[in-house]
PDB file of N, CA and C in Angstrom:
ATOM      1  N   MET A   1      -7.431  -9.259 -33.691  1.00  0.00           N
ATOM      2  CA  MET A   1      -7.593  -8.091 -33.844  1.00  0.00           C
ATOM      3  C   MET A   1      -7.078  -7.360 -35.165  1.00  0.00           C
ATOM      4  N   LYS A   2      -8.009  -6.038 -35.453  1.00  0.00           N
ATOM      5  CA  LYS A   2      -7.323  -5.055 -36.436  1.00  0.00           C
ATOM      6  C   LYS A   2      -6.053  -4.495 -35.872  1.00  0.00           C
ATOM      7  N   LYS A   3      -5.630  -3.948 -36.860  1.00  0.00           N
ATOM      8  CA  LYS A   3      -4.346  -3.550 -37.226  1.00  0.00           C
ATOM      9  C   LYS A   3      -4.094  -1.966 -36.300  1.00  0.00           C
ATOM     10  N   ASN A   4      -5.775  -1.222 -36.814  1.00  0.00           N
ATOM     11  CA  ASN A   4      -6.072   0.229 -35.628  1.00  0.00           C
ATOM     12  C   ASN A   4      -6.294   0.037 -34.454  1.00  0.00           C
ATOM     13  N   GLU A   5      -6.870  -1.112 -33.766  1.00  0.00           N
ATOM     14  CA  GLU A   5      -6.947  -1.389 -32.317  1.00  0.00           C
ATOM     15  C   GLU A   5      -6.186  -1.063 -31.470  1.00  0.00           C
ATOM     16  N   LEU A   6      -6.353  -0.405 -30.568  1.00  0.00           N
ATOM     17  CA  LEU A   6      -5.443  -0.117 -29.325  1.00  0.00           C
ATOM     18  C   LEU A   6      -5.616  -1.318 -28.576  1.00  0.00           C
ATOM     19  N   ILE A   7      -4.089  -1.612 -28.008  1.00  0.00           N
ATOM     20  CA  ILE A   7      -4.276  -2.693 -26.959  1.00  0.00           C
ATOM     21  C   ILE A   7      -4.225  -1.476 -25.619  1.00  0.00           C
ATOM     22  N   ILE A   8      -5.332  -1.979 -24.871  1.00  0.00           N
ATOM     23  CA  ILE A   8      -5.539  -0.903 -23.571  1.00  0.00           C
ATOM     24  C   ILE A   8      -5.486  -2.198 -22.146  1.00  0.00           C
ATOM     25  N   GLU A   9      -3.933  -1.948 -21.364  1.00  0.00           N
ATOM     26  CA  GLU A   9      -4.012  -2.814 -20.460  1.00  0.00           C
ATOM     27  C   GLU A   9      -4.572  -2.969 -19.549  1.00  0.00           C
ATOM     28  N   CYS A  10      -5.294  -3.938 -18.736  1.00  0.00           N
ATOM     29  CA  CYS A  10      -5.735  -4.061 -17.254  1.00  0.00           C
ATOM     30  C   CYS A  10      -5.081  -3.553 -16.256  1.00  0.00           C
ATOM     31  N   SER A  11      -5.407  -2.048 -15.185  1.00  0.00           N
ATOM     32  CA  SER A  11      -5.491  -1.991 -14.173  1.00  0.00           C
ATOM     33  C   SER A  11      -4.787  -2.996 -13.657  1.00  0.00           C
ATOM     34  N   ILE A  12      -5.742  -4.066 -13.388  1.00  0.00           N
ATOM     35  CA  ILE A  12      -5.646  -5.072 -12.245  1.00  0.00           C
ATOM     36  C   ILE A  12      -4.478  -5.640 -12.401  1.00  0.00           C
ATOM     37  N   GLU A  13      -3.823  -5.736 -14.101  1.00  0.00           N
ATOM     38  CA  GLU A  13      -3.286  -6.773 -14.452  1.00  0.00           C
ATOM     39  C   GLU A  13      -2.005  -6.224 -14.016  1.00  0.00           C
ATOM     40  N   LYS A  14      -1.795  -4.571 -14.476  1.00  0.00           N
ATOM     41  CA  LYS A  14      -0.488  -3.785 -14.135  1.00  0.00           C
ATOM     42  C   LYS A  14      -0.088  -3.688 -13.067  1.00  0.00           C
ATOM     43  N   ALA A  15      -1.290  -3.982 -12.168  1.00  0.00           N
ATOM     44  CA  ALA A  15      -0.922  -3.832 -10.758  1.00  0.00           C
ATOM     45  C   ALA A  15      -0.200  -5.053  -9.794  1.00  0.00           C
ATOM     46  N   LEU A  16      -0.642  -6.128 -10.359  1.00  0.00           N
ATOM     47  CA  LEU A  16      -0.047  -7.853  -9.658  1.00  0.00           C
ATOM     48  C   LEU A  16       1.327  -7.531 -11.184  1.00  0.00           C
ATOM     49  N   ASN A  17       1.742  -6.938 -11.741  1.00  0.00           N
ATOM     50  CA  ASN A  17       3.026  -7.412 -12.612  1.00  0.00           C
ATOM     51  C   ASN A  17       3.947  -6.583 -11.552  1.00  0.00           C
ATOM     52  N   ILE A  18       3.080  -5.060 -10.916  1.00  0.00           N
ATOM     53  CA  ILE A  18       4.274  -4.271 -10.003  1.00  0.00           C
ATOM     54  C   ILE A  18       4.615  -5.202  -8.870  1.00  0.00           C
ATOM     55  N   ILE A  19       3.505  -5.820  -8.279  1.00  0.00           N
ATOM     56  CA  ILE A  19       3.420  -6.469  -6.891  1.00  0.00           C
ATOM     57  C   ILE A  19       4.131  -7.456  -7.469  1.00  0.00           C
ATOM     58  N   GLY A  20       4.132  -8.957  -8.103  1.00  0.00           N
ATOM     59  CA  GLY A  20       4.948  -9.801  -8.474  1.00  0.00           C
ATOM     60  C   GLY A  20       4.201 -10.705  -7.783  1.00  0.00           C
ATOM     61  N   SER A  21       5.112 -11.623  -7.104  1.00  0.00           N
ATOM     62  CA  SER A  21       4.404 -13.388  -6.227  1.00  0.00           C
ATOM     63  C   SER A  21       3.181 -12.843  -5.230  1.00  0.00           C
ATOM     64  N   LYS A  22       2.697 -14.427  -4.865  1.00  0.00           N
ATOM     65  CA  LYS A  22       1.861 -14.494  -3.689  1.00  0.00           C
ATOM     66  C   LYS A  22       2.869 -13.538  -2.379  1.00  0.00           C
ATOM     67  N   TRP A  23       3.844 -13.836  -2.555  1.00  0.00           N
ATOM     68  CA  TRP A  23       4.854 -13.767  -1.155  1.00  0.00           C
ATOM     69  C   TRP A  23       5.055 -12.066  -0.892  1.00  0.00           C
ATOM     70  N   SER A  24       4.672 -11.282  -2.219  1.00  0.00           N
ATOM     71  CA  SER A  24       4.971 -10.083  -1.915  1.00  0.00           C
ATOM     72  C   SER A  24       4.001  -9.685  -0.986  1.00  0.00           C
ATOM     73  N   PHE A  25       2.638 -10.287  -0.578  1.00  0.00           N
ATOM     74  CA  PHE A  25       1.478  -9.396  -0.392  1.00  0.00           C
ATOM     75  C   PHE A  25       1.761  -9.778   1.329  1.00  0.00           C
ATOM     76  N   LEU A  26       2.278 -10.702   1.521  1.00  0.00           N
ATOM     77  CA  LEU A  26       2.694 -11.626   2.956  1.00  0.00           C
ATOM     78  C   LEU A  26       4.325 -10.436   3.605  1.00  0.00           C
ATOM     79  N   ILE A  27       5.053  -9.999   2.126  1.00  0.00           N
ATOM     80  CA  ILE A  27       6.231  -9.085   2.926  1.00  0.00           C
ATOM     81  C   ILE A  27       5.804  -7.805   2.914  1.00  0.00           C
ATOM     82  N   LEU A  28       4.548  -7.371   2.153  1.00  0.00           N
ATOM     83  CA  LEU A  28       3.690  -5.753   2.204  1.00  0.00           C
ATOM     84  C   LEU A  28       3.294  -5.735   3.766  1.00  0.00           C
ATOM     85  N   ARG A  29       2.586  -7.192   4.717  1.00  0.00           N
ATOM     86  CA  ARG A  29       2.092  -6.896   5.284  1.00  0.00           C
ATOM     87  C   ARG A  29       3.144  -6.723   6.708  1.00  0.00           C
ATOM     88  N   GLU A  30       4.651  -7.289   6.193  1.00  0.00           N
ATOM     89  CA  GLU A  30       5.254  -7.007   7.114  1.00  0.00           C
ATOM     90  C   GLU A  30       5.899  -5.697   7.206  1.00  0.00           C
ATOM     91  N   LEU A  31       6.233  -4.971   6.406  1.00  0.00           N
ATOM     92  CA  LEU A  31       6.933  -3.723   6.447  1.00  0.00           C
ATOM     93  C   LEU A  31       6.082  -2.827   6.637  1.00  0.00           C
ATOM     94  N   PHE A  32       4.397  -2.793   6.682  1.00  0.00           N
ATOM     95  CA  PHE A  32       3.348  -1.996   6.866  1.00  0.00           C
ATOM     96  C   PHE A  32       4.144  -1.507   7.925  1.00  0.00           C
ATOM     97  N   CYS A  33       4.358  -2.543   8.875  1.00  0.00           N
ATOM     98  CA  CYS A  33       5.137  -2.463  10.530  1.00  0.00           C
ATOM     99  C   CYS A  33       6.039  -1.584  10.352  1.00  0.00           C
ATOM    100  N   GLY A  34       7.018  -1.617   9.475  1.00  0.00           N
ATOM    101  CA  GLY A  34       8.032  -0.586   9.466  1.00  0.00           C
ATOM    102  C   GLY A  34       9.154  -1.691   9.030  1.00  0.00           C
ATOM    103  N   THR A  35      10.411  -0.782   8.969  1.00  0.00           N
ATOM    104  CA  THR A  35      11.309  -1.325   8.586  1.00  0.00           C
ATOM    105  C   THR A  35      11.980  -2.674   9.069  1.00  0.00           C
ATOM    106  N   LYS A  36      12.475  -3.651   8.429  1.00  0.00           N
ATOM    107  CA  LYS A  36      12.625  -5.384   8.685  1.00  0.00           C
ATOM    108  C   LYS A  36      13.979  -5.333   7.940  1.00  0.00           C
ATOM    109  N   ARG A  37      14.840  -6.458   8.466  1.00  0.00           N
ATOM    110  CA  ARG A  37      16.091  -7.143   7.888  1.00  0.00           C
ATOM    111  C   ARG A  37      15.661  -8.413   7.625  1.00  0.00           C
ATOM    112  N   PHE A  38      16.073  -9.401   6.677  1.00  0.00           N
ATOM    113  CA  PHE A  38      16.068 -10.275   5.979  1.00  0.00           C
ATOM    114  C   PHE A  38      15.908 -11.434   6.780  1.00  0.00           C
ATOM    115  N   GLY A  39      16.468 -11.632   7.402  1.00  0.00           N
ATOM    116  CA  GLY A  39      16.152 -12.388   8.768  1.00  0.00           C
ATOM    117  C   GLY A  39      14.560 -12.453   9.358  1.00  0.00           C
ATOM    118  N   GLU A  40      14.160 -11.091   9.506  1.00  0.00           N
ATOM    119  CA  GLU A  40      12.871 -10.814  10.822  1.00  0.00           C
ATOM    120  C   GLU A  40      11.689 -11.126   9.590  1.00  0.00           C
ATOM    121  N   LEU A  41      12.146 -10.613   8.217  1.00  0.00           N
ATOM    122  CA  LEU A  41      10.924 -11.355   7.037  1.00  0.00           C
ATOM    123  C   LEU A  41      11.114 -12.114   6.717  1.00  0.00           C
ATOM    124  N   GLU A  42      12.217 -13.282   6.923  1.00  0.00           N
ATOM    125  CA  GLU A  42      12.324 -14.729   6.828  1.00  0.00           C
ATOM    126  C   GLU A  42      11.225 -15.540   7.582  1.00  0.00           C
ATOM    127  N   ARG A  43      11.309 -14.836   9.040  1.00  0.00           N
ATOM    128  CA  ARG A  43      10.689 -15.524  10.498  1.00  0.00           C
ATOM    129  C   ARG A  43       9.113 -15.471  10.144  1.00  0.00           C
ATOM    130  N   ALA A  44       9.276 -14.343   9.852  1.00  0.00           N
ATOM    131  CA  ALA A  44       7.221 -13.404   9.462  1.00  0.00           C
ATOM    132  C   ALA A  44       6.420 -13.789   8.908  1.00  0.00           C
ATOM    133  N   VAL A  45       7.222 -14.589   7.732  1.00  0.00           N
ATOM    134  CA  VAL A  45       6.784 -14.769   6.487  1.00  0.00           C
ATOM    135  C   VAL A  45       6.729 -16.518   6.321  1.00  0.00           C
ATOM    136  N   GLN A  46       5.643 -16.836   7.063  1.00  0.00           N
ATOM    137  CA  GLN A  46       5.375 -18.726   7.037  1.00  0.00           C
ATOM    138  C   GLN A  46       5.826 -19.290   5.491  1.00  0.00           C
ATOM    139  N   GLY A  47       6.524 -20.275   5.430  1.00  0.00           N
ATOM    140  CA  GLY A  47       6.862 -20.858   4.824  1.00  0.00           C
ATOM    141  C   GLY A  47       7.690 -20.713   3.590  1.00  0.00           C
ATOM    142  N   ILE A  48       8.414 -19.322   3.012  1.00  0.00           N
ATOM    143  CA  ILE A  48       8.998 -18.196   2.207  1.00  0.00           C
ATOM    144  C   ILE A  48      10.586 -19.451   2.145  1.00  0.00           C
ATOM    145  N   SER A  49      10.997 -19.741   1.194  1.00  0.00           N
ATOM    146  CA  SER A  49      12.532 -20.072   1.243  1.00  0.00           C
ATOM    147  C   SER A  49      13.467 -18.960   1.328  1.00  0.00           C
ATOM    148  N   PRO A  50      14.406 -19.098   1.611  1.00  0.00           N
ATOM    149  CA  PRO A  50      15.294 -18.032   1.057  1.00  0.00           C
ATOM    150  C   PRO A  50      15.474 -17.538  -0.148  1.00  0.00           C
ATOM    151  N   LYS A  51      15.529 -17.813  -0.761  1.00  0.00           N
ATOM    152  CA  LYS A  51      15.113 -18.164  -2.443  1.00  0.00           C
ATOM    153  C   LYS A  51      14.548 -17.223  -3.105  1.00  0.00           C
ATOM    154  N   ALA A  52      13.123 -17.828  -2.566  1.00  0.00           N
ATOM    155  CA  ALA A  52      12.190 -16.625  -2.923  1.00  0.00           C
ATOM    156  C   ALA A  52      12.027 -15.894  -2.070  1.00  0.00           C
ATOM    157  N   LEU A  53      12.285 -15.286  -0.877  1.00  0.00           N
ATOM    158  CA  LEU A  53      12.021 -14.048  -0.355  1.00  0.00           C
ATOM    159  C   LEU A  53      13.089 -13.330  -0.711  1.00  0.00           C
ATOM    160  N   THR A  54      14.679 -13.635  -1.484  1.00  0.00           N
ATOM    161  CA  THR A  54      15.197 -12.893  -2.030  1.00  0.00           C
ATOM    162  C   THR A  54      14.925 -12.192  -3.847  1.00  0.00           C
ATOM    163  N   ASP A  55      14.232 -13.567  -4.115  1.00  0.00           N
ATOM    164  CA  ASP A  55      13.762 -12.895  -5.418  1.00  0.00           C
ATOM    165  C   ASP A  55      12.304 -11.957  -5.583  1.00  0.00           C
ATOM    166  N   THR A  56      11.653 -12.240  -4.649  1.00  0.00           N
ATOM    167  CA  THR A  56      10.271 -11.140  -4.153  1.00  0.00           C
ATOM    168  C   THR A  56      11.214 -10.104  -3.722  1.00  0.00           C
ATOM    169  N   LEU A  57      11.616  -9.649  -3.062  1.00  0.00           N
ATOM    170  CA  LEU A  57      12.539  -8.804  -2.332  1.00  0.00           C
ATOM    171  C   LEU A  57      12.888  -7.831  -3.987  1.00  0.00           C
ATOM    172  N   ARG A  58      13.992  -8.286  -4.354  1.00  0.00           N
ATOM    173  CA  ARG A  58      14.707  -7.931  -5.544  1.00  0.00           C
ATOM    174  C   ARG A  58      13.401  -7.119  -6.504  1.00  0.00           C
ATOM    175  N   HIS A  59      12.102  -8.020  -7.083  1.00  0.00           N
ATOM    176  CA  HIS A  59      11.296  -7.649  -8.047  1.00  0.00           C
ATOM    177  C   HIS A  59      10.488  -6.504  -7.514  1.00  0.00           C
ATOM    178  N   MET A  60      10.895  -6.515  -6.197  1.00  0.00           N
ATOM    179  CA  MET A  60       9.751  -5.309  -5.237  1.00  0.00           C
ATOM    180  C   MET A  60      10.702  -4.133  -5.528  1.00  0.00           C
ATOM    181  N   GLU A  61      11.968  -4.575  -5.150  1.00  0.00           N
ATOM    182  CA  GLU A  61      12.350  -3.834  -5.246  1.00  0.00           C
ATOM    183  C   GLU A  61      13.118  -2.477  -7.072  1.00  0.00           C
ATOM    184  N   ALA A  62      13.203  -3.720  -7.621  1.00  0.00           N
ATOM    185  CA  ALA A  62      13.229  -3.700  -9.022  1.00  0.00           C
ATOM    186  C   ALA A  62      11.885  -2.343  -9.536  1.00  0.00           C
ATOM    187  N   ASN A  63      10.690  -2.875  -8.958  1.00  0.00           N
ATOM    188  CA  ASN A  63       9.690  -2.029  -9.407  1.00  0.00           C
ATOM    189  C   ASN A  63       9.094  -0.764  -8.456  1.00  0.00           C
ATOM    190  N   ASP A  64      10.156  -0.199  -7.538  1.00  0.00           N
ATOM    191  CA  ASP A  64      10.131   0.342  -6.656  1.00  0.00           C
ATOM    192  C   ASP A  64       9.166   0.692  -5.287  1.00  0.00           C
ATOM    193  N   ILE A  65       9.140  -0.259  -5.003  1.00  0.00           N
ATOM    194  CA  ILE A  65       7.998  -1.064  -4.099  1.00  0.00           C
ATOM    195  C   ILE A  65       8.750  -0.481  -2.285  1.00  0.00           C
ATOM    196  N   LEU A  66      10.177  -1.172  -2.763  1.00  0.00           N
ATOM    197  CA  LEU A  66      10.783  -1.104  -1.264  1.00  0.00           C
ATOM    198  C   LEU A  66      12.050  -0.803  -1.603  1.00  0.00           C
ATOM    199  N   VAL A  67      12.819  -0.056  -0.506  1.00  0.00           N
ATOM    200  CA  VAL A  67      14.476   0.422  -0.721  1.00  0.00           C
ATOM    201  C   VAL A  67      14.868  -0.404   0.311  1.00  0.00           C
ATOM    202  N   ARG A  68      16.166  -1.369  -0.223  1.00  0.00           N
ATOM    203  CA  ARG A  68      16.885  -1.933   0.235  1.00  0.00           C
ATOM    204  C   ARG A  68      18.037  -0.820   0.976  1.00  0.00           C
ATOM    205  N   ASP A  69      18.634  -1.313   2.051  1.00  0.00           N
ATOM    206  CA  ASP A  69      19.645  -0.413   2.635  1.00  0.00           C
ATOM    207  C   ASP A  69      20.747  -1.215   3.002  1.00  0.00           C
ATOM    208  N   VAL A  70      21.978  -1.127   3.127  1.00  0.00           N
ATOM    209  CA  VAL A  70      22.627  -1.704   2.854  1.00  0.00           C
ATOM    210  C   VAL A  70      23.813  -1.062   4.196  1.00  0.00           C
ATOM    211  N   TYR A  71      24.281  -1.703   4.927  1.00  0.00           N
ATOM    212  CA  TYR A  71      25.216  -0.943   6.047  1.00  0.00           C
ATOM    213  C   TYR A  71      26.267  -1.695   6.475  1.00  0.00           C
ATOM    214  N   PRO A  72      27.290  -1.094   5.972  1.00  0.00           N
ATOM    215  CA  PRO A  72      28.754  -1.901   6.244  1.00  0.00           C
ATOM    216  C   PRO A  72      29.333  -2.142   7.329  1.00  0.00           C
ATOM    217  N   THR A  73      28.671  -2.948   7.718  1.00  0.00           N
ATOM    218  CA  THR A  73      29.140  -3.488   8.863  1.00  0.00           C
ATOM    219  C   THR A  73      29.579  -5.152   8.774  1.00  0.00           C
ATOM    220  N   VAL A  74      29.715  -5.758  10.175  1.00  0.00           N
ATOM    221  CA  VAL A  74      30.558  -7.415  10.336  1.00  0.00           C
ATOM    222  C   VAL A  74      29.670  -7.567  11.168  1.00  0.00           C
ATOM    223  N   PRO A  75      29.037  -8.248  10.816  1.00  0.00           N
ATOM    224  CA  PRO A  75      27.910  -9.415   9.171  1.00  0.00           C
ATOM    225  C   PRO A  75      27.536  -7.846   8.858  1.00  0.00           C
ATOM    226  N   LEU A  76      27.582  -8.251   7.219  1.00  0.00           N
ATOM    227  CA  LEU A  76      26.897  -7.026   6.834  1.00  0.00           C
ATOM    228  C   LEU A  76      25.173  -6.589   6.666  1.00  0.00           C
ATOM    229  N   ARG A  77      24.801  -5.610   7.018  1.00  0.00           N
ATOM    230  CA  ARG A  77      23.376  -5.747   7.688  1.00  0.00           C
ATOM    231  C   ARG A  77      22.535  -4.903   6.505  1.00  0.00           C
ATOM    232  N   VAL A  78      21.299  -5.769   5.799  1.00  0.00           N
ATOM    233  CA  VAL A  78      20.512  -5.096   5.156  1.00  0.00           C
ATOM    234  C   VAL A  78      19.196  -4.755   5.151  1.00  0.00           C
ATOM    235  N   GLU A  79      18.456  -3.603   5.754  1.00  0.00           N
ATOM    236  CA  GLU A  79      16.841  -3.280   6.131  1.00  0.00           C
ATOM    237  C   GLU A  79      16.323  -3.087   4.470  1.00  0.00           C
ATOM    238  N   TYR A  80      14.807  -3.169   5.016  1.00  0.00           N
ATOM    239  CA  TYR A  80      14.273  -3.111   3.754  1.00  0.00           C
ATOM    240  C   TYR A  80      12.790  -2.350   3.995  1.00  0.00           C
ATOM    241  N   THR A  81      12.550  -1.083   3.089  1.00  0.00           N
ATOM    242  CA  THR A  81      11.322  -0.208   3.923  1.00  0.00           C
ATOM    243  C   THR A  81      11.072  -0.253   2.685  1.00  0.00           C
ATOM    244  N   LEU A  82       9.628   0.321   2.619  1.00  0.00           N
ATOM    245  CA  LEU A  82       8.474   0.533   1.995  1.00  0.00           C
ATOM    246  C   LEU A  82       8.603   1.917   1.329  1.00  0.00           C
ATOM    247  N   THR A  83       8.586   2.200   0.333  1.00  0.00           N
ATOM    248  CA  THR A  83       8.667   3.561  -0.649  1.00  0.00           C
ATOM    249  C   THR A  83       7.100   3.944  -0.508  1.00  0.00           C
ATOM    250  N   GLU A  84       7.042   5.348  -0.736  1.00  0.00           N
ATOM    251  CA  GLU A  84       5.866   5.450  -0.806  1.00  0.00           C
ATOM    252  C   GLU A  84       4.961   4.876  -1.637  1.00  0.00           C
ATOM    253  N   LYS A  85       5.464   4.699  -2.406  1.00  0.00           N
ATOM    254  CA  LYS A  85       4.554   3.333  -3.862  1.00  0.00           C
ATOM    255  C   LYS A  85       4.027   2.515  -2.965  1.00  0.00           C
ATOM    256  N   GLY A  86       5.281   1.669  -2.434  1.00  0.00           N
ATOM    257  CA  GLY A  86       4.715   0.679  -1.391  1.00  0.00           C
ATOM    258  C   GLY A  86       3.889   0.826  -0.324  1.00  0.00           C
ATOM    259  N   GLN A  87       3.705   1.865   0.151  1.00  0.00           N
ATOM    260  CA  GLN A  87       2.450   2.412   1.126  1.00  0.00           C
ATOM    261  C   GLN A  87       1.135   2.597   1.097  1.00  0.00           C
ATOM    262  N   ASP A  88       1.546   3.227  -0.262  1.00  0.00           N
ATOM    263  CA  ASP A  88       0.336   3.433  -0.893  1.00  0.00           C
ATOM    264  C   ASP A  88      -1.075   2.155  -1.392  1.00  0.00           C
ATOM    265  N   PHE A  89      -0.094   0.694  -1.168  1.00  0.00           N
ATOM    266  CA  PHE A  89      -0.653  -0.111  -1.330  1.00  0.00           C
ATOM    267  C   PHE A  89      -1.546  -0.854   0.179  1.00  0.00           C
ATOM    268  N   HIS A  90      -1.650   0.137   0.974  1.00  0.00           N
ATOM    269  CA  HIS A  90      -1.532  -0.652   2.012  1.00  0.00           C
ATOM    270  C   HIS A  90      -2.959  -0.824   2.420  1.00  0.00           C
ATOM    271  N   LYS A  91      -3.937   0.671   1.983  1.00  0.00           N
ATOM    272  CA  LYS A  91      -5.226   0.354   1.403  1.00  0.00           C
ATOM    273  C   LYS A  91      -5.822  -1.020   1.225  1.00  0.00           C
ATOM    274  N   ILE A  92      -5.008  -0.954   0.269  1.00  0.00           N
ATOM    275  CA  ILE A  92      -5.946  -2.023  -0.663  1.00  0.00           C
ATOM    276  C   ILE A  92      -5.605  -3.767   0.169  1.00  0.00           C
ATOM    277  N   ILE A  93      -4.450  -3.995   0.651  1.00  0.00           N
ATOM    278  CA  ILE A  93      -4.218  -5.036   1.967  1.00  0.00           C
ATOM    279  C   ILE A  93      -5.241  -4.937   2.915  1.00  0.00           C
ATOM    280  N   LYS A  94      -5.139  -3.868   3.290  1.00  0.00           N
ATOM    281  CA  LYS A  94      -6.750  -3.702   4.372  1.00  0.00           C
ATOM    282  C   LYS A  94      -7.764  -4.099   3.856  1.00  0.00           C
ATOM    283  N   GLU A  95      -8.182  -3.770   2.752  1.00  0.00           N
ATOM    284  CA  GLU A  95      -9.382  -4.339   2.158  1.00  0.00           C
ATOM    285  C   GLU A  95      -9.199  -5.889   1.693  1.00  0.00           C
ATOM    286  N   MET A  96      -8.587  -6.566   1.645  1.00  0.00           N
ATOM    287  CA  MET A  96      -8.211  -7.656   1.332  1.00  0.00           C
ATOM    288  C   MET A  96      -8.040  -8.335   2.673  1.00  0.00           C
ATOM    289  N   LYS A  97      -7.762  -7.840   3.548  1.00  0.00           N
ATOM    290  CA  LYS A  97      -7.790  -8.673   4.862  1.00  0.00           C
ATOM    291  C   LYS A  97      -9.192  -8.909   5.290  1.00  0.00           C
ATOM    292  N   ILE A  98     -10.086  -7.955   5.437  1.00  0.00           N
ATOM    293  CA  ILE A  98     -11.456  -7.544   6.009  1.00  0.00           C
ATOM    294  C   ILE A  98     -12.234  -8.843   4.626  1.00  0.00           C
ATOM    295  N   TRP A  99     -12.179  -8.705   3.433  1.00  0.00           N
ATOM    296  CA  TRP A  99     -12.133  -9.432   2.651  1.00  0.00           C
ATOM    297  C   TRP A  99     -12.421 -11.450   3.252  1.00  0.00           C
ATOM    298  N   GLY A 100     -10.973 -11.415   3.065  1.00  0.00           N
ATOM    299  CA  GLY A 100     -10.951 -12.519   3.534  1.00  0.00           C
ATOM    300  C   GLY A 100     -10.978 -13.233   5.077  1.00  0.00           C
ATOM    301  N   SER A 101     -11.235 -12.311   5.646  1.00  0.00           N
ATOM    302  CA  SER A 101     -12.169 -12.628   7.342  1.00  0.00           C
ATOM    303  C   SER A 101     -13.311 -13.052   7.138  1.00  0.00           C
ATOM    304  N   LYS A 102     -13.943 -12.418   5.745  1.00  0.00           N
ATOM    305  CA  LYS A 102     -15.534 -12.146   5.733  1.00  0.00           C
ATOM    306  C   LYS A 102     -15.718 -13.556   5.105  1.00  0.00           C
ATOM    307  N   TRP A 103     -15.034 -14.051   4.141  1.00  0.00           N
ATOM    308  CA  TRP A 103     -15.025 -15.257   3.255  1.00  0.00           C
ATOM    309  C   TRP A 103     -14.515 -16.483   3.389  1.00  0.00           C
ATOM    310  N   GLY A 104     -12.918 -16.158   4.579  1.00  0.00           N
ATOM    311  CA  GLY A 104     -12.471 -17.214   4.379  1.00  0.00           C
ATOM    312  C   GLY A 104     -12.559 -18.659   5.194  1.00  0.00           C
TER     313      GLY A 104
END
């Protein structure tokens, strides 16, 4: 590559870096239905380990896909809700679902 050439990032690559792992898509699917607690997400996303769920939720929070609300109760109550940025992904997930039904 020449020194003067610009590096243009691929939009798809950028989106995938923001979303994160394969688990993110399944977590998004659950959060499109509304706010969920950690245990609800863990039960809804088949096969995800608590560590993978925690890591994925942290990644999504760091990328402003969801917000984590902590309530000072005993035991501690933590809820996850999609941000506007996360909700904006709903259309894409819907299309992936349609594509998966057709070709899966």
